[in-house]
Amino acid sequence: VGPNGCGKSTLLKILAGRLVPTSGRVDIAKSCDIGYFDQDHRLLDSQATPYSTIHDYRPQWTDFAVRSWLARFVFQAEDIERKVGTLSGGERARLALARLLIDRPNVLFLDEPTNHLDVESIEALEDAIEEYEGTVLLVSHDRALLRELSTRVWAFENGTMQDFGGTFVEWEQARKDAALAKRAADAVAADGRRGKEKAKSRANAAHEAGDQATRKARKKEQEGAERAVQQAERSVADLKAQIADPKLYDGSGANAKRAADLSKQLAAAERALDAAMTKWEAVDRA
């Protein structure tokens, strides 16, 4: 996954042997039988029909076998004798996949396979991939498809690739948690800077007042309020960091309970922080 132009399709073509890498090399095990599904559907003859596309490639198949295979890819009886050139983009994509999977490759590369597909066709594609027993490397912007099928994510971002050893759903959650943790850390840092600035202002005001006893008492009260705020901030930041841990969302009952407990603790810690901030501001204004 990744934004347009980041190199997803290029990597797929290099791995499939369609492009030569400008540096490095690709080693493919001899046991790998690769099937490559591209967006141009080059396996198809525009003058052929869905029936002849399958029958000509597997002439030993019976009429029933050909029709049954096409039916798995949502081709009805009235569609199988139409010219490929008259088919919609989604129908051609389904036919290309039907032709590709006949060889039962044990490694399947799919480059944006849901382009032009309607909902029924996408569901048929999902079923075909779920039944497929080999390895699938899939490039797609279809998040619903990725949530249903993926077990590992290669994420392209800012010129690098992250190898995430979990599902697309888990990767999405990990990104949200990481963003939440960063916002929390930034907030704590900003509060710290504001605290230092206020402490400096209070020190200057106390020095100008000239009343040493009053100054000391006020400073002590301010520092106590500030420490209470800092302690509350640390508690909030620590709880948010724990909640951001991807391991917490592995689906186990124990971690689900722990996540709920942490959420309750975080709510309480944030209320305590609000109270500490209110007291700090009141002391500061005094």
Protein backbone atom coordinates (compact mmCIF):
# COMPACT_ATOMS: atom_id res chain seq x y z
CA VAL A 1 0.00 0.00 0.00
CA GLY A 2 1.04 3.59 -0.48
CA PRO A 3 0.28 6.79 -2.43
CA ASN A 4 0.17 6.91 -6.23
CA GLY A 5 3.60 7.00 -7.85
CA CYS A 6 5.51 5.62 -4.87
CA GLY A 7 6.66 2.48 -6.74
CA LYS A 8 4.18 -0.27 -5.81
CA SER A 9 3.46 -1.45 -9.35
CA THR A 10 7.11 -1.03 -10.34
CA LEU A 11 8.20 -3.31 -7.50
CA LEU A 12 5.55 -5.86 -8.49
CA LYS A 13 6.76 -5.85 -12.12
CA ILE A 14 10.38 -6.26 -11.01
CA LEU A 15 9.49 -9.22 -8.79
CA ALA A 16 7.45 -10.75 -11.62
CA GLY A 17 10.32 -10.34 -14.10
CA ARG A 18 8.49 -7.74 -16.21
CA LEU A 19 11.08 -5.04 -15.43
CA VAL A 20 14.84 -5.21 -14.82
CA PRO A 21 15.94 -3.50 -11.59
CA THR A 22 18.35 -0.57 -11.97
CA SER A 23 20.35 -1.95 -9.04
CA GLY A 24 20.35 -5.02 -6.84
CA ARG A 25 18.85 -8.31 -7.96
CA VAL A 26 15.77 -10.50 -7.58
CA ASP A 27 16.17 -14.15 -6.61
CA ILE A 28 13.18 -16.38 -7.30
CA ALA A 29 13.12 -19.94 -5.98
CA LYS A 30 12.75 -22.63 -8.66
CA SER A 31 9.65 -23.89 -6.86
CA CYS A 32 7.86 -20.57 -7.47
CA ASP A 33 5.32 -20.64 -10.31
CA ILE A 34 4.30 -16.98 -10.70
CA GLY A 35 1.02 -15.74 -12.10
CA TYR A 36 0.89 -12.00 -12.89
CA PHE A 37 -2.36 -10.04 -13.19
CA ASP A 38 -1.81 -6.63 -14.77
CA GLN A 39 -4.22 -3.77 -15.37
CA ASP A 40 -3.97 -4.13 -19.18
CA HIS A 41 -5.24 -7.74 -19.31
CA ARG A 42 -2.72 -8.75 -21.96
CA LEU A 43 -3.72 -12.41 -21.69
CA LEU A 44 -6.99 -11.66 -23.48
CA ASP A 45 -7.81 -11.59 -27.21
CA SER A 46 -10.43 -8.94 -27.97
CA GLN A 47 -11.85 -11.11 -30.80
CA ALA A 48 -12.28 -14.18 -28.62
CA THR A 49 -15.17 -14.96 -26.28
CA PRO A 50 -15.03 -15.89 -22.60
CA TYR A 51 -15.92 -19.45 -23.58
CA SER A 52 -13.23 -19.73 -26.27
CA THR A 53 -10.64 -18.02 -24.03
CA ILE A 54 -10.95 -20.86 -21.52
CA HIS A 55 -11.72 -23.70 -23.94
CA ASP A 56 -8.81 -22.90 -26.28
CA TYR A 57 -6.42 -22.84 -23.33
CA ARG A 58 -7.82 -26.08 -21.90
CA PRO A 59 -9.17 -27.96 -24.95
CA GLN A 60 -9.39 -31.18 -22.95
CA TRP A 61 -12.01 -29.65 -20.67
CA THR A 62 -15.64 -30.61 -21.26
CA ASP A 63 -18.29 -28.03 -22.10
CA PHE A 64 -19.62 -28.38 -18.55
CA ALA A 65 -16.16 -27.84 -17.03
CA VAL A 66 -15.60 -24.64 -19.06
CA ARG A 67 -19.01 -23.24 -18.17
CA SER A 68 -18.60 -24.15 -14.50
CA TRP A 69 -15.19 -22.45 -14.36
CA LEU A 70 -16.58 -19.28 -15.92
CA ALA A 71 -19.54 -19.34 -13.53
CA ARG A 72 -17.11 -19.15 -10.61
CA PHE A 73 -16.13 -15.74 -11.97
CA VAL A 74 -19.75 -14.56 -12.36
CA PHE A 75 -20.14 -15.23 -16.09
CA GLN A 76 -23.72 -16.19 -16.92
CA ALA A 77 -24.75 -18.29 -19.91
CA GLU A 78 -25.70 -15.25 -22.01
CA ASP A 79 -22.28 -13.64 -21.45
CA ILE A 80 -19.89 -16.42 -22.35
CA GLU A 81 -20.26 -16.06 -26.14
CA ARG A 82 -19.84 -12.29 -26.27
CA LYS A 83 -16.69 -10.87 -27.84
CA VAL A 84 -14.07 -9.90 -25.26
CA GLY A 85 -13.80 -6.50 -26.92
CA THR A 86 -17.44 -5.77 -25.99
CA LEU A 87 -17.02 -6.67 -22.33
CA SER A 88 -16.88 -4.03 -19.62
CA GLY A 89 -13.65 -3.32 -17.77
CA GLY A 90 -14.87 -5.33 -14.80
CA GLU A 91 -15.87 -8.29 -16.98
CA ARG A 92 -12.47 -8.31 -18.68
CA ALA A 93 -10.76 -8.22 -15.29
CA ARG A 94 -12.79 -11.22 -14.13
CA LEU A 95 -12.02 -13.12 -17.32
CA ALA A 96 -8.30 -12.34 -17.06
CA LEU A 97 -8.31 -13.69 -13.52
CA ALA A 98 -10.22 -16.80 -14.61
CA ARG A 99 -7.65 -17.44 -17.35
CA LEU A 100 -4.72 -16.78 -15.00
CA LEU A 101 -5.89 -19.12 -12.24
CA ILE A 102 -6.32 -22.08 -14.57
CA ASP A 103 -2.58 -22.74 -14.28
CA ARG A 104 -2.88 -22.72 -10.48
CA PRO A 105 0.34 -20.72 -9.89
CA ASN A 106 1.62 -20.96 -6.33
CA VAL A 107 2.58 -17.26 -6.31
CA LEU A 108 0.08 -14.70 -7.56
CA PHE A 109 0.85 -11.02 -8.20
CA LEU A 110 -2.24 -8.80 -8.50
CA ASP A 111 -1.87 -5.17 -9.57
CA GLU A 112 -5.04 -3.20 -8.73
CA PRO A 113 -7.33 -6.16 -9.53
CA THR A 114 -10.52 -4.39 -8.45
CA ASN A 115 -10.21 -1.53 -10.95
CA HIS A 116 -13.49 -1.22 -12.91
CA LEU A 117 -15.11 -4.04 -10.90
CA ASP A 118 -18.63 -3.80 -9.53
CA VAL A 119 -19.54 -5.03 -6.05
CA GLU A 120 -20.56 -8.49 -7.26
CA SER A 121 -17.29 -8.88 -9.16
CA ILE A 122 -15.21 -7.73 -6.18
CA GLU A 123 -16.97 -10.31 -3.99
CA ALA A 124 -16.19 -12.99 -6.56
CA LEU A 125 -12.55 -11.89 -6.56
CA GLU A 126 -12.44 -12.04 -2.75
CA ASP A 127 -13.86 -15.56 -2.82
CA ALA A 128 -11.31 -16.66 -5.44
CA ILE A 129 -8.37 -15.28 -3.44
CA GLU A 130 -9.65 -16.73 -0.16
CA GLU A 131 -9.86 -20.18 -1.78
CA TYR A 132 -6.40 -19.76 -3.34
CA GLU A 133 -3.80 -21.80 -1.47
CA GLY A 134 -0.65 -20.04 -2.68
CA THR A 135 0.99 -16.72 -1.85
CA VAL A 136 -0.66 -13.49 -3.04
CA LEU A 137 1.15 -10.17 -3.39
CA LEU A 138 -1.56 -7.57 -3.88
CA VAL A 139 -1.32 -3.89 -4.83
CA SER A 140 -4.59 -2.12 -4.15
CA HIS A 141 -6.24 1.09 -2.96
CA ASP A 142 -9.38 -0.88 -2.08
CA ARG A 143 -9.26 -0.76 1.71
CA ALA A 144 -12.29 -3.02 2.12
CA LEU A 145 -10.56 -5.72 0.04
CA LEU A 146 -7.32 -5.31 1.98
CA ARG A 147 -9.15 -5.57 5.31
CA GLU A 148 -10.73 -8.84 4.20
CA LEU A 149 -7.66 -10.53 2.74
CA SER A 150 -4.32 -9.21 3.93
CA THR A 151 -2.15 -10.98 6.51
CA ARG A 152 0.94 -8.79 6.05
CA VAL A 153 1.51 -5.23 4.87
CA TRP A 154 4.32 -3.57 2.92
CA ALA A 155 3.67 0.15 3.39
CA PHE A 156 5.42 2.70 1.16
CA GLU A 157 5.79 6.11 2.80
CA ASN A 158 8.30 8.98 2.55
CA GLY A 159 10.67 7.04 0.30
CA THR A 160 10.86 3.97 2.55
CA MET A 161 9.01 0.68 2.90
CA GLN A 162 7.77 -0.61 6.25
CA ASP A 163 7.28 -4.36 6.59
CA PHE A 164 4.37 -4.80 9.02
CA GLY A 165 3.83 -8.39 10.10
CA GLY A 166 0.09 -8.15 10.72
CA THR A 167 -3.22 -7.61 8.94
CA PHE A 168 -4.21 -4.40 7.20
CA VAL A 169 -6.72 -3.72 9.99
CA GLU A 170 -3.93 -4.02 12.58
CA TRP A 171 -1.67 -1.78 10.49
CA GLU A 172 -4.39 0.89 10.31
CA GLN A 173 -4.84 0.74 14.08
CA ALA A 174 -1.09 0.90 14.67
CA ARG A 175 -0.88 4.05 12.54
CA LYS A 176 -3.72 5.66 14.50
CA ASP A 177 -2.11 4.72 17.80
CA ALA A 178 1.28 6.06 16.71
CA ALA A 179 -0.31 9.35 15.66
CA LEU A 180 -2.14 9.55 19.00
CA ALA A 181 1.06 8.90 20.95
CA LYS A 182 2.90 11.60 18.97
CA ARG A 183 0.17 14.15 19.62
CA ALA A 184 0.28 13.30 23.33
CA ALA A 185 4.07 13.69 23.44
CA ASP A 186 3.86 17.00 21.56
CA ALA A 187 1.21 18.23 24.00
CA VAL A 188 3.34 17.30 27.01
CA ALA A 189 6.34 19.07 25.48
CA ALA A 190 4.28 22.18 24.75
CA ASP A 191 2.92 22.19 28.29
CA GLY A 192 6.47 21.89 29.60
CA ARG A 193 7.59 24.91 27.60
CA ARG A 194 4.62 26.92 28.80
CA GLY A 195 5.40 25.83 32.36
CA LYS A 196 8.97 27.04 32.11
CA GLU A 197 7.86 30.37 30.68
CA LYS A 198 5.30 30.86 33.44
CA ALA A 199 7.80 29.84 36.11
CA LYS A 200 10.24 32.44 34.79
CA SER A 201 7.55 35.13 34.79
CA ARG A 202 6.52 34.26 38.33
CA ALA A 203 10.14 34.38 39.50
CA ASN A 204 10.56 37.86 38.02
CA ALA A 205 7.34 39.10 39.60
CA ALA A 206 8.31 37.71 42.99
CA HIS A 207 11.73 39.34 42.78
CA GLU A 208 10.17 42.71 42.02
CA ALA A 209 7.71 42.43 44.92
CA GLY A 210 10.56 42.54 47.43
CA ASP A 211 8.67 40.59 50.10
CA GLN A 212 10.91 37.61 50.63
CA ALA A 213 8.57 35.70 52.95
CA THR A 214 5.57 36.12 50.68
CA ARG A 215 7.71 35.34 47.68
CA LYS A 216 8.93 32.06 49.19
CA ALA A 217 5.46 30.96 50.23
CA ARG A 218 4.01 31.73 46.83
CA LYS A 219 6.86 30.01 45.02
CA LYS A 220 6.41 26.89 47.12
CA GLU A 221 2.72 26.80 46.33
CA GLN A 222 3.37 27.38 42.62
CA GLU A 223 6.02 24.69 42.45
CA GLY A 224 3.72 22.23 44.19
CA ALA A 225 0.96 23.00 41.71
CA GLU A 226 3.40 22.71 38.81
CA ARG A 227 4.73 19.36 40.05
CA ALA A 228 1.18 18.12 40.33
CA VAL A 229 0.55 19.14 36.70
CA GLN A 230 3.77 17.52 35.51
CA GLN A 231 2.99 14.32 37.39
CA ALA A 232 -0.50 14.26 35.90
CA GLU A 233 0.94 14.90 32.42
CA ARG A 234 3.37 12.02 32.83
CA SER A 235 0.53 9.74 33.92
CA VAL A 236 -1.55 10.70 30.86
CA ALA A 237 1.41 10.30 28.50
CA ASP A 238 2.33 6.91 30.00
CA LEU A 239 -1.23 5.60 29.69
CA LYS A 240 -1.49 6.82 26.09
CA ALA A 241 1.79 5.12 25.25
CA GLN A 242 0.49 1.86 26.70
CA ILE A 243 -2.75 2.19 24.71
CA ALA A 244 -0.68 2.83 21.55
CA ASP A 245 1.12 -0.54 21.90
CA PRO A 246 0.05 -2.69 18.86
CA LYS A 247 0.43 -5.87 20.98
CA LEU A 248 -2.57 -4.72 22.98
CA TYR A 249 -4.82 -5.38 19.98
CA ASP A 250 -3.90 -8.99 19.21
CA GLY A 251 -7.51 -10.06 19.81
CA SER A 252 -6.92 -11.91 23.09
CA GLY A 253 -9.47 -11.57 25.87
CA ALA A 254 -6.86 -10.58 28.44
CA ASN A 255 -5.55 -7.74 26.28
CA ALA A 256 -9.08 -6.61 25.44
CA LYS A 257 -9.83 -6.31 29.18
CA ARG A 258 -6.49 -4.56 29.73
CA ALA A 259 -7.27 -2.10 26.93
CA ALA A 260 -10.64 -1.31 28.53
CA ASP A 261 -8.99 -0.86 31.95
CA LEU A 262 -6.34 1.42 30.46
CA SER A 263 -9.02 3.52 28.78
CA LYS A 264 -10.77 3.99 32.13
CA GLN A 265 -7.48 4.88 33.80
CA LEU A 266 -6.72 7.37 31.01
CA ALA A 267 -10.09 9.08 31.47
CA ALA A 268 -9.43 9.40 35.19
CA ALA A 269 -5.88 10.65 34.59
CA GLU A 270 -7.11 13.29 32.15
CA ARG A 271 -9.67 14.50 34.69
CA ALA A 272 -6.91 14.70 37.29
CA LEU A 273 -4.76 16.66 34.83
CA ASP A 274 -7.59 19.12 34.19
CA ALA A 275 -8.00 19.62 37.95
CA ALA A 276 -4.25 20.11 38.43
CA MET A 277 -4.12 22.61 35.56
CA THR A 278 -7.06 24.54 37.05
CA LYS A 279 -5.36 24.71 40.42
CA TRP A 280 -2.04 25.69 38.82
CA GLU A 281 -3.65 28.51 36.87
CA ALA A 282 -5.45 29.74 40.00
CA VAL A 283 -2.18 29.81 41.93
CA ASP A 284 -0.47 31.55 39.03
CA ARG A 285 -3.10 34.29 38.97
CA ALA A 286 -2.97 34.85 42.72
